[in-house]
Amino acid sequence: MKILALLCIFLSGAALAATQSVEITDKIKRERTGKSETKYISKFAQWGDNEVLVRYTDTEGTRRHADVSLGFRYLMTNTPVPQGNKAEYAVAIAYQGEFDFFALTRNSSPVVTTRHNPSIFYTRIWDPEKTGLSSWFISLEHESNGQVTDTLERLQSELSAFALDYEGDEDVSESDIFEMAQQTISRSNNFVAFGANYQLGIGGHEDCSSRFNCFSIFAKVRHQLDKEPEDEIWWRERVTAELKDYVGTEIDINAPFLIGDVDTAFRITYRTGQLIGGSPFKRNTFDLHYYIDVPIGRGIASLFNLPELELFAVPMVVRYHNGYLDELYNYSQKVSYLALGLHARY
């Protein structure tokens, strides 16, 4: 999942798929003067996936790494929590970043930036406790991987530097060195996007049971504003497809539910090319996430008679990816992998 920032809803009460929205009902606050009962949406909040994942399909020493994603947003407006049928508006800036940590697997254990996604957006929001359309938004976004290689000459220079760095290392193959050099290839684009959130059953139940009676659906379409350079460095697989043929249309379904009294959630994301100007439904990408807050504190509290630790839980996530868009530098390469890690909420 790695190429779009989702603008989905946080579901209050039950877990939790770590997605993006200003509709965070557990992030509301009272007016700072203390003289009013009006509740406002928090200025600063989590934005998108905040995860640390380890892939079990990476078997080569120089490829083993942790995928780290971090995102936050800042609300530039004082936006009350919507009540009844009245809609409120919000303007915000946001950032989503993704990084690869090659700890103990490469010289100097580098951190490779794989994606920067700053954005500014305007949204209209309805009562988050009601079923139905909860918001729509329009955004202006930039996306890049922070790398600098944009010519064949520079790529050859990077290739030579890596070959010299790992000269005599029998554990590093020529393909490993070529992969490292390719990770320095620069990718960037600017786009506008429009999307909407629809939620069902959020306010109609005390909790979300295993019948999946609470879920949200998010849809987003985007239009790329600039054209990629037509240089052979960009066409890894000798095809003429561009980024907009792989991403531009997105659907995300998030369903939290309870197993006993343990918070869990299931999320599926589908991506394909731009509807206008791209080649949609020819190159498809699927991401499946399963979230669970493992209640290890209960066992610790019982074993050591420490009731204050009873609510402690480890937020685990399992992800399966199949399709393209794994990294910006090789978005046209189709890959599949399974990853396990931790997710964060704040």
Protein backbone atom coordinates (compact mmCIF):
# COMPACT_ATOMS: atom_id res chain seq x y z
CA MET A 1 0.00 0.00 0.00
CA LYS A 2 2.26 2.14 -0.38
CA ILE A 3 1.53 4.86 -2.78
CA LEU A 4 -1.60 6.69 -1.62
CA ALA A 5 -2.58 8.36 1.57
CA LEU A 6 -6.09 7.25 2.46
CA LEU A 7 -8.64 9.77 3.65
CA CYS A 8 -10.83 7.33 5.58
CA ILE A 9 -12.78 7.55 8.81
CA PHE A 10 -11.67 6.53 12.25
CA LEU A 11 -14.36 4.46 13.93
CA SER A 12 -14.98 5.39 17.55
CA GLY A 13 -15.26 2.73 20.19
CA ALA A 14 -14.11 -0.41 18.41
CA ALA A 15 -10.84 -0.73 16.54
CA LEU A 16 -9.36 1.12 14.57
CA ALA A 17 -7.92 0.58 11.10
CA ALA A 18 -5.33 3.31 11.02
CA THR A 19 -6.62 5.49 8.22
CA GLN A 20 -7.16 9.19 7.65
CA SER A 21 -9.93 11.65 8.43
CA VAL A 22 -10.67 14.75 10.46
CA GLU A 23 -13.72 12.87 11.76
CA ILE A 24 -11.94 11.47 14.81
CA THR A 25 -14.55 11.39 17.53
CA ASP A 26 -12.05 10.44 20.25
CA LYS A 27 -9.94 13.47 19.34
CA ILE A 28 -12.52 16.16 20.13
CA LYS A 29 -11.90 18.80 22.78
CA ARG A 30 -13.80 21.48 24.63
CA GLU A 31 -13.41 25.11 23.73
CA ARG A 32 -10.25 26.52 25.34
CA THR A 33 -12.15 29.25 27.25
CA GLY A 34 -14.04 26.63 29.23
CA LYS A 35 -17.20 28.76 28.98
CA SER A 36 -18.90 26.69 26.33
CA GLU A 37 -19.99 23.10 25.87
CA THR A 38 -19.10 23.26 22.19
CA LYS A 39 -16.76 20.45 21.17
CA TYR A 40 -14.11 20.94 18.51
CA ILE A 41 -12.17 18.51 16.40
CA SER A 42 -8.56 18.23 17.54
CA LYS A 43 -6.03 20.41 15.75
CA PHE A 44 -3.31 17.76 15.65
CA ALA A 45 -3.96 14.09 15.01
CA GLN A 46 -2.70 10.93 13.39
CA TRP A 47 -2.86 10.78 9.61
CA GLY A 48 -2.80 7.53 7.67
CA ASP A 49 -0.94 4.37 8.52
CA ASN A 50 1.54 4.59 11.41
CA GLU A 51 3.15 1.17 11.28
CA VAL A 52 6.38 -0.79 11.55
CA LEU A 53 6.26 -3.93 9.39
CA VAL A 54 8.72 -6.76 8.77
CA ARG A 55 8.32 -8.76 5.57
CA TYR A 56 8.61 -12.51 5.73
CA THR A 57 9.19 -12.79 1.97
CA ASP A 58 12.50 -10.89 2.09
CA THR A 59 15.10 -13.67 2.30
CA GLU A 60 18.17 -11.97 0.80
CA GLY A 61 20.44 -10.39 3.41
CA THR A 62 20.66 -6.97 1.77
CA ARG A 63 16.89 -6.81 1.22
CA ARG A 64 15.70 -7.61 4.73
CA HIS A 65 14.30 -4.42 6.19
CA ALA A 66 11.49 -2.87 8.21
CA ASP A 67 8.82 -0.81 6.44
CA VAL A 68 8.05 2.24 8.58
CA SER A 69 5.17 4.63 7.86
CA LEU A 70 4.40 7.82 9.75
CA GLY A 71 1.66 10.40 9.21
CA PHE A 72 0.04 13.38 10.92
CA ARG A 73 -2.26 16.27 10.07
CA TYR A 74 -2.84 19.77 11.44
CA LEU A 75 -6.25 21.46 11.27
CA MET A 76 -5.98 25.12 10.26
CA THR A 77 -9.60 25.87 11.18
CA ASN A 78 -11.52 25.76 14.46
CA THR A 79 -14.04 23.17 13.39
CA PRO A 80 -16.87 22.16 15.75
CA VAL A 81 -17.98 18.55 15.82
CA PRO A 82 -21.03 18.51 13.49
CA GLN A 83 -24.42 18.08 15.13
CA GLY A 84 -27.64 16.88 13.54
CA ASN A 85 -27.97 17.68 9.84
CA LYS A 86 -25.64 20.65 9.91
CA ALA A 87 -22.37 20.25 8.02
CA GLU A 88 -19.10 21.83 9.10
CA TYR A 89 -16.02 22.55 7.02
CA ALA A 90 -12.31 22.14 7.70
CA VAL A 91 -9.04 23.08 6.01
CA ALA A 92 -5.94 21.11 6.94
CA ILE A 93 -2.39 20.27 5.96
CA ALA A 94 -1.15 16.70 6.22
CA TYR A 95 1.96 14.60 5.73
CA GLN A 96 2.48 10.89 5.15
CA GLY A 97 5.98 9.43 4.95
CA GLU A 98 7.34 5.94 4.32
CA PHE A 99 10.87 4.69 4.99
CA ASP A 100 12.85 1.44 4.73
CA PHE A 101 15.18 0.63 7.64
CA PHE A 102 17.96 -1.77 6.64
CA ALA A 103 19.31 -2.34 10.16
CA LEU A 104 22.24 -4.80 10.25
CA THR A 105 21.69 -5.87 6.63
CA ARG A 106 23.68 -3.25 4.69
CA ASN A 107 26.82 -1.23 5.22
CA SER A 108 26.10 1.72 7.51
CA SER A 109 22.57 0.29 7.99
CA PRO A 110 20.96 2.97 5.79
CA VAL A 111 17.52 4.44 5.98
CA VAL A 112 16.00 4.74 2.48
CA THR A 113 13.18 7.22 1.97
CA THR A 114 10.51 5.64 -0.21
CA ARG A 115 7.68 8.18 -0.14
CA HIS A 116 6.86 11.75 0.92
CA ASN A 117 3.22 12.84 0.57
CA PRO A 118 2.43 16.37 1.83
CA SER A 119 -1.07 17.68 1.06
CA ILE A 120 -3.56 20.43 1.74
CA PHE A 121 -7.27 19.75 1.63
CA TYR A 122 -10.74 21.20 2.13
CA THR A 123 -13.49 18.98 3.49
CA ARG A 124 -17.17 19.12 4.44
CA ILE A 125 -18.13 16.99 7.42
CA TRP A 126 -21.45 15.71 8.73
CA ASP A 127 -22.35 14.24 12.13
CA PRO A 128 -19.87 11.35 12.61
CA GLU A 129 -22.44 9.40 14.64
CA LYS A 130 -24.87 9.19 11.74
CA THR A 131 -25.05 6.52 9.08
CA GLY A 132 -24.52 7.61 5.49
CA LEU A 133 -22.27 10.10 3.74
CA SER A 134 -19.98 11.48 6.45
CA SER A 135 -17.70 13.73 4.41
CA TRP A 136 -16.29 14.68 1.05
CA PHE A 137 -13.01 16.42 0.31
CA ILE A 138 -10.82 17.93 -2.39
CA SER A 139 -7.04 17.99 -2.02
CA LEU A 140 -3.86 19.19 -3.70
CA GLU A 141 -1.01 16.75 -3.11
CA HIS A 142 2.65 16.16 -3.89
CA GLU A 143 4.24 12.73 -3.94
CA SER A 144 7.92 11.85 -4.24
CA ASN A 145 10.51 9.45 -2.89
CA GLY A 146 13.18 12.02 -2.05
CA GLN A 147 15.79 10.47 -4.34
CA VAL A 148 18.00 12.27 -6.89
CA THR A 149 18.91 9.86 -9.71
CA ASP A 150 17.19 11.06 -12.90
CA THR A 151 19.66 10.17 -15.68
CA LEU A 152 21.30 6.97 -16.88
CA GLU A 153 24.70 8.51 -16.19
CA ARG A 154 23.80 9.13 -12.54
CA LEU A 155 22.37 5.62 -12.22
CA GLN A 156 25.61 4.16 -13.56
CA SER A 157 27.55 6.26 -11.07
CA GLU A 158 25.44 4.94 -8.18
CA LEU A 159 25.87 1.39 -9.48
CA SER A 160 29.66 1.79 -9.55
CA ALA A 161 29.69 3.26 -6.05
CA PHE A 162 27.70 0.36 -4.58
CA ALA A 163 29.86 -2.19 -6.45
CA LEU A 164 32.99 -0.64 -4.94
CA ASP A 165 31.42 -0.49 -1.49
CA TYR A 166 30.58 -4.21 -1.49
CA GLU A 167 33.63 -5.42 -3.41
CA GLY A 168 34.70 -8.82 -2.11
CA ASP A 169 31.49 -9.41 -0.14
CA GLU A 170 30.35 -12.89 -1.20
CA ASP A 171 26.92 -12.38 0.38
CA VAL A 172 26.09 -9.49 -1.96
CA SER A 173 25.28 -10.43 -5.57
CA GLU A 174 25.27 -8.27 -8.68
CA SER A 175 21.47 -8.22 -8.59
CA ASP A 176 21.61 -6.92 -5.00
CA ILE A 177 23.90 -4.09 -6.06
CA PHE A 178 21.66 -3.25 -9.01
CA GLU A 179 18.64 -3.18 -6.68
CA MET A 180 20.40 -0.75 -4.34
CA ALA A 181 21.25 1.56 -7.24
CA GLN A 182 17.66 1.46 -8.51
CA GLN A 183 16.40 2.59 -5.11
CA THR A 184 18.07 5.96 -5.76
CA ILE A 185 15.90 6.63 -8.85
CA SER A 186 13.88 9.82 -8.40
CA ARG A 187 10.10 9.70 -8.70
CA SER A 188 7.74 12.61 -8.15
CA ASN A 189 4.32 13.85 -9.22
CA ASN A 190 1.65 16.37 -8.27
CA PHE A 191 -2.07 15.68 -8.36
CA VAL A 192 -5.50 16.83 -7.32
CA ALA A 193 -7.91 14.41 -5.69
CA PHE A 194 -11.58 14.14 -4.81
CA GLY A 195 -13.08 11.62 -2.45
CA ALA A 196 -15.86 10.76 -0.04
CA ASN A 197 -16.51 8.66 3.07
CA TYR A 198 -19.63 6.58 3.63
CA GLN A 199 -20.27 4.79 6.90
CA LEU A 200 -22.85 2.26 7.98
CA GLY A 201 -23.91 1.26 11.47
CA ILE A 202 -21.51 3.54 13.33
CA GLY A 203 -24.03 5.15 15.67
CA GLY A 204 -26.63 2.40 15.65
CA HIS A 205 -24.85 -0.14 17.85
CA GLU A 206 -23.16 -0.08 21.24
CA ASP A 207 -20.30 -2.01 19.68
CA CYS A 208 -19.37 -3.70 16.43
CA SER A 209 -19.87 -7.44 16.64
CA SER A 210 -18.40 -10.20 14.49
CA ARG A 211 -21.32 -9.79 12.09
CA PHE A 212 -19.48 -6.81 10.58
CA ASN A 213 -22.45 -4.52 11.21
CA CYS A 214 -20.19 -1.45 11.39
CA PHE A 215 -18.04 -0.48 8.44
CA SER A 216 -16.91 2.48 6.39
CA ILE A 217 -16.31 2.81 2.66
CA PHE A 218 -13.92 5.33 1.21
CA ALA A 219 -13.51 6.21 -2.47
CA LYS A 220 -10.90 8.51 -3.98
CA VAL A 221 -10.05 9.52 -7.52
CA ARG A 222 -7.03 11.58 -8.44
CA HIS A 223 -5.71 13.32 -11.54
CA GLN A 224 -2.00 13.72 -12.16
CA LEU A 225 -1.00 17.29 -13.05
CA ASP A 226 2.41 16.68 -14.58
CA LYS A 227 3.78 14.15 -17.04
CA GLU A 228 6.66 11.83 -16.23
CA PRO A 229 9.87 12.22 -18.25
CA GLU A 230 10.04 9.79 -21.13
CA ASP A 231 13.52 8.48 -20.44
CA GLU A 232 14.62 4.84 -20.53
CA ILE A 233 15.51 5.09 -16.84
CA TRP A 234 11.80 5.17 -16.07
CA TRP A 235 10.81 2.02 -17.94
CA ARG A 236 12.16 -0.83 -15.91
CA GLU A 237 10.16 -3.49 -17.74
CA ARG A 238 10.35 -1.97 -21.22
CA VAL A 239 6.73 -0.84 -21.15
CA THR A 240 5.30 2.61 -21.80
CA ALA A 241 2.78 2.62 -18.97
CA GLU A 242 3.04 5.60 -16.61
CA LEU A 243 2.24 5.98 -12.92
CA LYS A 244 -1.30 7.14 -13.71
CA ASP A 245 -1.95 3.75 -15.32
CA TYR A 246 -1.31 2.06 -11.96
CA VAL A 247 -2.85 4.47 -9.46
CA GLY A 248 -5.58 7.09 -9.58
CA THR A 249 -8.67 5.22 -8.42
CA GLU A 250 -8.97 3.81 -4.91
CA ILE A 251 -11.61 2.05 -2.82
CA ASP A 252 -11.04 1.24 0.86
CA ILE A 253 -13.37 -0.80 3.10
CA ASN A 254 -12.76 -0.85 6.85
CA ALA A 255 -14.73 -3.15 9.17
CA PRO A 256 -14.00 -3.16 12.92
CA PHE A 257 -15.47 -5.91 15.07
CA LEU A 258 -15.02 -7.62 18.41
CA ILE A 259 -13.79 -11.12 19.19
CA GLY A 260 -15.07 -11.50 22.71
CA ASP A 261 -13.94 -8.18 24.14
CA VAL A 262 -10.81 -7.87 21.98
CA ASP A 263 -10.71 -5.03 19.43
CA THR A 264 -9.96 -6.16 15.88
CA ALA A 265 -10.53 -4.81 12.38
CA PHE A 266 -10.33 -6.01 8.81
CA ARG A 267 -9.49 -3.67 5.95
CA ILE A 268 -9.20 -4.15 2.19
CA THR A 269 -7.86 -1.57 -0.26
CA TYR A 270 -8.14 -1.74 -4.05
CA ARG A 271 -6.20 0.53 -6.44
CA THR A 272 -6.11 0.88 -10.20
CA GLY A 273 -5.33 3.54 -12.83
CA GLN A 274 -6.85 6.99 -13.37
CA LEU A 275 -10.40 6.94 -14.73
CA ILE A 276 -9.62 9.84 -17.07
CA GLY A 277 -6.28 9.90 -18.86
CA GLY A 278 -5.10 6.58 -17.43
CA SER A 279 -5.72 2.89 -18.03
CA PRO A 280 -8.04 1.74 -15.22
CA PHE A 281 -8.82 -1.90 -14.38
CA LYS A 282 -5.85 -3.28 -16.35
CA ARG A 283 -3.30 -3.16 -13.52
CA ASN A 284 -4.86 -3.93 -10.15
CA THR A 285 -3.42 -3.78 -6.63
CA PHE A 286 -4.92 -5.27 -3.47
CA ASP A 287 -3.87 -4.75 0.15
CA LEU A 288 -5.41 -6.70 3.02
CA HIS A 289 -4.89 -5.61 6.64
CA TYR A 290 -5.91 -7.36 9.81
CA TYR A 291 -5.57 -5.40 13.08
CA ILE A 292 -5.81 -6.83 16.57
CA ASP A 293 -5.02 -5.40 20.01
CA VAL A 294 -3.50 -8.43 21.76
CA PRO A 295 -4.50 -8.14 25.46
CA ILE A 296 -1.26 -9.39 27.04
CA GLY A 297 -1.78 -7.09 30.03
CA ARG A 298 -4.46 -9.38 31.42
CA GLY A 299 -2.04 -12.24 31.82
CA ILE A 300 0.64 -10.00 33.32
CA ALA A 301 -1.84 -8.43 35.73
CA SER A 302 -3.04 -11.83 36.88
CA LEU A 303 0.43 -13.37 37.15
CA PHE A 304 2.08 -10.53 39.08
CA ASN A 305 -1.02 -9.08 40.78
CA LEU A 306 -0.68 -5.76 38.95
CA PRO A 307 -4.25 -4.70 38.06
CA GLU A 308 -3.01 -1.38 36.63
CA LEU A 309 -1.56 -3.35 33.68
CA GLU A 310 -4.80 -5.14 32.83
CA LEU A 311 -5.68 -2.80 29.95
CA PHE A 312 -2.24 -3.01 28.34
CA ALA A 313 -2.43 -4.44 24.80
CA VAL A 314 0.01 -4.89 21.91
CA PRO A 315 -1.42 -3.41 18.68
CA MET A 316 -0.53 -5.97 16.00
CA VAL A 317 -1.13 -5.77 12.26
CA VAL A 318 -0.83 -8.37 9.50
CA ARG A 319 -0.66 -7.16 5.89
CA TYR A 320 -0.85 -9.01 2.57
CA HIS A 321 0.04 -7.13 -0.61
CA ASN A 322 -0.57 -8.32 -4.16
CA GLY A 323 -0.05 -6.10 -7.18
CA TYR A 324 1.98 -3.04 -8.03
CA LEU A 325 2.94 0.23 -6.25
CA ASP A 326 5.14 -1.43 -3.64
CA GLU A 327 7.68 1.39 -3.98
CA LEU A 328 7.64 4.53 -6.11
CA TYR A 329 10.93 3.68 -7.82
CA ASN A 330 9.58 0.34 -9.10
CA TYR A 331 5.83 0.97 -9.18
CA SER A 332 5.44 -1.08 -12.39
CA GLN A 333 6.84 -4.26 -10.83
CA LYS A 334 4.24 -6.73 -9.61
CA VAL A 335 5.01 -8.25 -6.21
CA SER A 336 3.32 -10.22 -3.45
CA TYR A 337 4.36 -10.36 0.18
CA LEU A 338 3.18 -11.00 3.73
CA ALA A 339 4.23 -8.65 6.55
CA LEU A 340 3.75 -8.58 10.31
CA GLY A 341 4.28 -5.67 12.67
CA LEU A 342 2.94 -3.02 15.02
CA HIS A 343 0.61 -0.11 14.43
CA ALA A 344 0.20 3.04 16.48
CA ARG A 345 -2.69 5.33 17.35
CA TYR A 346 -2.45 8.73 18.98
